[in-house]
Amino acid sequence: MEDFFLSKGLRVFTFDTNHYDDLVDDRFKLNIGHSLGYLVISEPDFFEKSVLPKILNTEEVIANPIDVVTKEILSESPITFENVLDYGYKNFAVKIYELF
């Protein structure tokens, strides 16, 4: 899984959603119980590895190539995302796993 994301210029980290909720303000809480989450963030080479090839290989104008590419990558991901949260440039996705 990590190799898939690194090849796209992204890095993935796991976290416990309960621990996350304990650390953040109420407006950012996930409130999904004890689950495993994935944080997916872009690396400096994300543009060169993923966005630029999309722009160069598409004849039509793409209004928001970063969003288009991010959605394509997540749809091809080895992780099946049940909840995707997007806070502007702080894109992250959360996969819910029951740990019990």
Protein backbone atom coordinates (compact mmCIF):
# COMPACT_ATOMS: atom_id res chain seq x y z
CA MET A 1 0.00 0.00 0.00
CA GLU A 2 2.75 2.45 0.90
CA ASP A 3 4.53 1.85 -2.43
CA PHE A 4 1.32 2.63 -4.33
CA PHE A 5 0.96 6.02 -2.65
CA LEU A 6 4.66 6.89 -2.84
CA SER A 7 4.63 6.21 -6.59
CA LYS A 8 1.92 8.88 -6.89
CA GLY A 9 3.73 11.43 -4.70
CA LEU A 10 1.59 10.76 -1.65
CA ARG A 11 2.33 9.48 1.82
CA VAL A 12 -0.07 7.53 4.01
CA PHE A 13 -0.15 7.33 7.80
CA THR A 14 -2.46 5.36 10.07
CA PHE A 15 -4.03 6.64 13.25
CA ASP A 16 -6.53 5.64 15.92
CA THR A 17 -9.67 7.71 15.44
CA ASN A 18 -10.43 7.82 19.19
CA HIS A 19 -6.96 9.19 19.91
CA TYR A 20 -7.42 11.75 17.13
CA ASP A 21 -10.77 12.86 18.60
CA ASP A 22 -9.10 13.32 21.99
CA LEU A 23 -6.57 15.75 20.46
CA VAL A 24 -8.74 18.01 18.29
CA ASP A 25 -11.44 20.65 18.78
CA ASP A 26 -15.06 19.50 18.57
CA ARG A 27 -15.48 20.87 15.03
CA PHE A 28 -12.80 18.46 13.73
CA LYS A 29 -13.84 15.34 15.64
CA LEU A 30 -14.70 12.30 13.55
CA ASN A 31 -17.00 10.77 16.19
CA ILE A 32 -16.87 7.31 14.64
CA GLY A 33 -15.65 5.31 17.60
CA HIS A 34 -12.56 3.16 17.92
CA SER A 35 -11.39 2.68 14.33
CA LEU A 36 -8.27 2.77 12.20
CA GLY A 37 -7.94 5.85 10.01
CA TYR A 38 -5.62 6.68 7.14
CA LEU A 39 -4.16 10.13 6.60
CA VAL A 40 -3.11 10.66 2.98
CA ILE A 41 -1.01 13.77 2.31
CA SER A 42 0.88 15.02 -0.71
CA GLU A 43 4.65 14.99 -0.95
CA PRO A 44 6.58 17.73 -2.79
CA ASP A 45 6.77 15.54 -5.93
CA PHE A 46 2.98 14.93 -6.11
CA PHE A 47 2.61 17.52 -8.87
CA GLU A 48 5.38 16.03 -11.05
CA LYS A 49 4.37 12.40 -10.48
CA SER A 50 0.58 12.68 -10.74
CA VAL A 51 -0.84 16.07 -11.68
CA LEU A 52 1.49 17.11 -14.50
CA PRO A 53 1.14 13.80 -16.41
CA LYS A 54 -2.66 14.15 -16.21
CA ILE A 55 -2.52 17.69 -17.59
CA LEU A 56 -0.10 16.77 -20.38
CA ASN A 57 -2.05 13.65 -21.43
CA THR A 58 -5.46 15.32 -21.53
CA GLU A 59 -6.56 17.42 -24.50
CA GLU A 60 -9.41 19.12 -22.64
CA VAL A 61 -9.01 21.80 -20.01
CA ILE A 62 -9.26 20.44 -16.47
CA ALA A 63 -10.75 23.06 -14.15
CA ASN A 64 -9.21 21.58 -10.98
CA PRO A 65 -6.57 18.99 -11.91
CA ILE A 66 -5.47 18.39 -8.31
CA ASP A 67 -8.98 17.35 -7.25
CA VAL A 68 -9.45 15.22 -10.38
CA VAL A 69 -6.14 13.41 -9.89
CA THR A 70 -6.69 12.92 -6.15
CA LYS A 71 -10.10 11.33 -6.77
CA GLU A 72 -8.62 9.06 -9.47
CA ILE A 73 -5.80 7.95 -7.18
CA LEU A 74 -8.18 7.21 -4.31
CA SER A 75 -10.43 5.19 -6.65
CA GLU A 76 -7.39 3.10 -7.73
CA SER A 77 -6.09 2.77 -4.17
CA PRO A 78 -5.59 -0.62 -2.51
CA ILE A 79 -7.69 0.82 0.34
CA THR A 80 -11.47 0.99 -0.02
CA PHE A 81 -12.41 4.32 1.50
CA GLU A 82 -15.73 4.53 3.28
CA ASN A 83 -15.39 8.14 4.44
CA VAL A 84 -13.38 10.81 2.68
CA LEU A 85 -12.93 14.14 4.40
CA ASP A 86 -11.44 17.09 2.56
CA TYR A 87 -10.41 20.26 4.34
CA GLY A 88 -9.19 22.31 1.37
CA TYR A 89 -5.51 21.72 0.79
CA LYS A 90 -5.37 19.40 3.78
CA ASN A 91 -6.81 16.41 1.92
CA PHE A 92 -7.16 13.27 3.91
CA ALA A 93 -9.16 10.11 3.74
CA VAL A 94 -10.36 7.89 6.51
CA LYS A 95 -11.02 4.17 6.25
CA ILE A 96 -13.17 2.72 8.99
CA TYR A 97 -12.20 -0.64 10.46
CA GLU A 98 -13.87 -2.19 13.44
CA LEU A 99 -11.15 -3.22 15.84
CA PHE A 100 -13.40 -5.28 18.06
